């Protein structure tokens, strides 16, 4: 069995975070399609300059509806000051103020699918 390289993670931490508005693209993935996550980031890339109200320099990879049998939804996005005036293709997610478990992942662009598969 080949040895899988673990992605570089910053130290996970628990934080109380302010509300967050994130704009981006969301798709469903499973074990067969997880390697396609980098293509979602490439689809999002042209919108970085088009979306007004983008805040910060970071990007967020959010995982929702995780179900081992059916896969999970992955959302590639960036923080915005408002969910108004977004292009029709871009979704907005409002994350309420809450305690969050943050696991910062510093991936090279295009390597996110590999990193998600190898976190375990």
Protein backbone atom coordinates (compact mmCIF):
# COMPACT_ATOMS: atom_id res chain seq x y z
CA UNK A 1 0.00 0.00 0.00
CA UNK A 2 1.47 3.40 -0.96
CA UNK A 3 2.22 5.88 1.81
CA UNK A 4 0.05 8.97 1.46
CA UNK A 5 1.55 12.32 2.24
CA UNK A 6 -0.45 14.32 4.78
CA UNK A 7 -1.28 17.93 3.83
CA UNK A 8 0.33 20.76 5.79
CA UNK A 9 -2.10 21.93 8.47
CA UNK A 10 -1.72 24.85 10.79
CA UNK A 11 -2.56 24.00 14.39
CA UNK A 12 -6.33 23.45 14.62
CA UNK A 13 -8.00 25.82 17.04
CA UNK A 14 -11.35 26.63 18.58
CA UNK A 15 -12.44 30.25 18.15
CA UNK A 16 -15.51 32.37 18.70
CA UNK A 17 -15.99 33.99 15.31
CA UNK A 18 -18.11 36.87 14.09
CA UNK A 19 -20.85 36.29 11.50
CA UNK A 20 -19.42 35.62 8.09
CA UNK A 21 -20.84 36.04 4.59
CA UNK A 22 -19.12 33.79 2.06
CA UNK A 23 -19.75 33.88 -1.70
CA UNK A 24 -18.73 31.10 -4.04
CA UNK A 25 -19.63 27.86 -5.77
CA UNK A 26 -20.96 24.62 -4.26
CA UNK A 27 -20.93 21.08 -5.67
CA UNK A 28 -21.50 17.55 -4.41
CA UNK A 29 -18.55 15.14 -4.27
CA UNK A 30 -17.98 11.53 -3.27
CA UNK A 31 -14.99 9.19 -3.14
CA UNK A 32 -14.94 8.90 -6.95
CA UNK A 33 -15.19 12.64 -7.64
CA UNK A 34 -13.29 14.29 -4.75
CA UNK A 35 -10.27 14.73 -7.02
CA UNK A 36 -12.38 17.22 -9.03
CA UNK A 37 -12.40 19.80 -6.19
CA UNK A 38 -9.56 21.80 -7.80
CA UNK A 39 -11.76 22.34 -10.86
CA UNK A 40 -14.34 24.05 -8.61
CA UNK A 41 -11.63 26.48 -7.45
CA UNK A 42 -10.69 27.12 -11.09
CA UNK A 43 -14.36 27.84 -11.89
CA UNK A 44 -14.44 30.34 -9.03
CA UNK A 45 -11.22 32.13 -9.95
CA UNK A 46 -12.69 34.50 -12.63
CA UNK A 47 -15.20 35.83 -10.08
CA UNK A 48 -12.54 37.10 -7.66
CA UNK A 49 -12.10 40.31 -9.65
CA UNK A 50 -15.79 40.61 -10.64
CA UNK A 51 -17.32 40.49 -7.16
CA UNK A 52 -17.38 43.84 -5.41
CA UNK A 53 -17.37 43.80 -1.66
CA UNK A 54 -14.85 40.96 -1.33
CA UNK A 55 -13.07 41.30 2.01
CA UNK A 56 -9.79 39.86 3.16
CA UNK A 57 -7.33 37.86 1.11
CA UNK A 58 -8.30 34.39 2.25
CA UNK A 59 -10.49 31.76 0.71
CA UNK A 60 -12.74 29.23 2.41
CA UNK A 61 -13.34 25.59 1.58
CA UNK A 62 -16.46 24.62 3.51
CA UNK A 63 -17.81 21.08 3.78
CA UNK A 64 -21.55 20.49 4.27
CA UNK A 65 -23.95 17.56 4.38
CA UNK A 66 -21.24 15.00 4.95
CA UNK A 67 -22.58 11.48 4.53
CA UNK A 68 -20.23 8.56 3.97
CA UNK A 69 -22.66 6.77 1.66
CA UNK A 70 -23.57 9.78 -0.46
CA UNK A 71 -20.52 12.02 -0.24
CA UNK A 72 -20.50 15.68 0.79
CA UNK A 73 -21.10 19.19 -0.51
CA UNK A 74 -17.99 21.32 -0.92
CA UNK A 75 -18.22 25.11 -1.11
CA UNK A 76 -15.27 27.08 -2.49
CA UNK A 77 -15.60 30.74 -1.64
CA UNK A 78 -14.34 34.02 -0.29
CA UNK A 79 -15.58 36.43 2.37
CA UNK A 80 -17.81 39.28 1.20
CA UNK A 81 -19.20 42.30 3.03
CA UNK A 82 -22.67 41.66 1.61
CA UNK A 83 -24.53 39.02 -0.35
CA UNK A 84 -26.13 41.69 -2.55
CA UNK A 85 -25.21 42.26 -6.21
CA UNK A 86 -23.53 38.89 -6.70
CA UNK A 87 -23.44 37.30 -10.17
CA UNK A 88 -26.30 34.81 -10.65
CA UNK A 89 -23.89 31.84 -10.65
CA UNK A 90 -22.43 32.75 -7.26
CA UNK A 91 -24.11 31.50 -4.10
CA UNK A 92 -23.94 33.23 -0.74
CA UNK A 93 -23.80 31.46 2.58
CA UNK A 94 -24.26 33.29 5.87
CA UNK A 95 -22.40 31.63 8.70
CA UNK A 96 -23.71 32.88 12.06
CA UNK A 97 -21.50 34.00 14.91
CA UNK A 98 -20.54 30.83 16.71
CA UNK A 99 -17.75 28.74 18.14
CA UNK A 100 -15.90 27.16 15.23
CA UNK A 101 -13.29 24.48 14.92
CA UNK A 102 -10.80 25.95 12.44
CA UNK A 103 -8.41 23.65 10.63
CA UNK A 104 -6.43 25.94 8.32
CA UNK A 105 -5.11 24.10 5.29
CA UNK A 106 -2.42 25.77 3.24
CA UNK A 107 -2.74 24.07 -0.14
CA UNK A 108 -1.03 24.89 -3.33
CA UNK A 109 -3.70 25.95 -5.79
CA UNK A 110 -5.13 22.89 -7.48
CA UNK A 111 -4.15 20.45 -4.74
CA UNK A 112 -7.26 20.70 -2.54
CA UNK A 113 -8.81 17.41 -3.71
CA UNK A 114 -5.65 15.52 -2.79
CA UNK A 115 -5.52 17.26 0.58
CA UNK A 116 -9.18 16.56 1.44
CA UNK A 117 -8.71 12.85 0.69
CA UNK A 118 -5.58 12.64 2.86
CA UNK A 119 -6.69 14.52 5.98
CA UNK A 120 -7.67 11.32 7.80
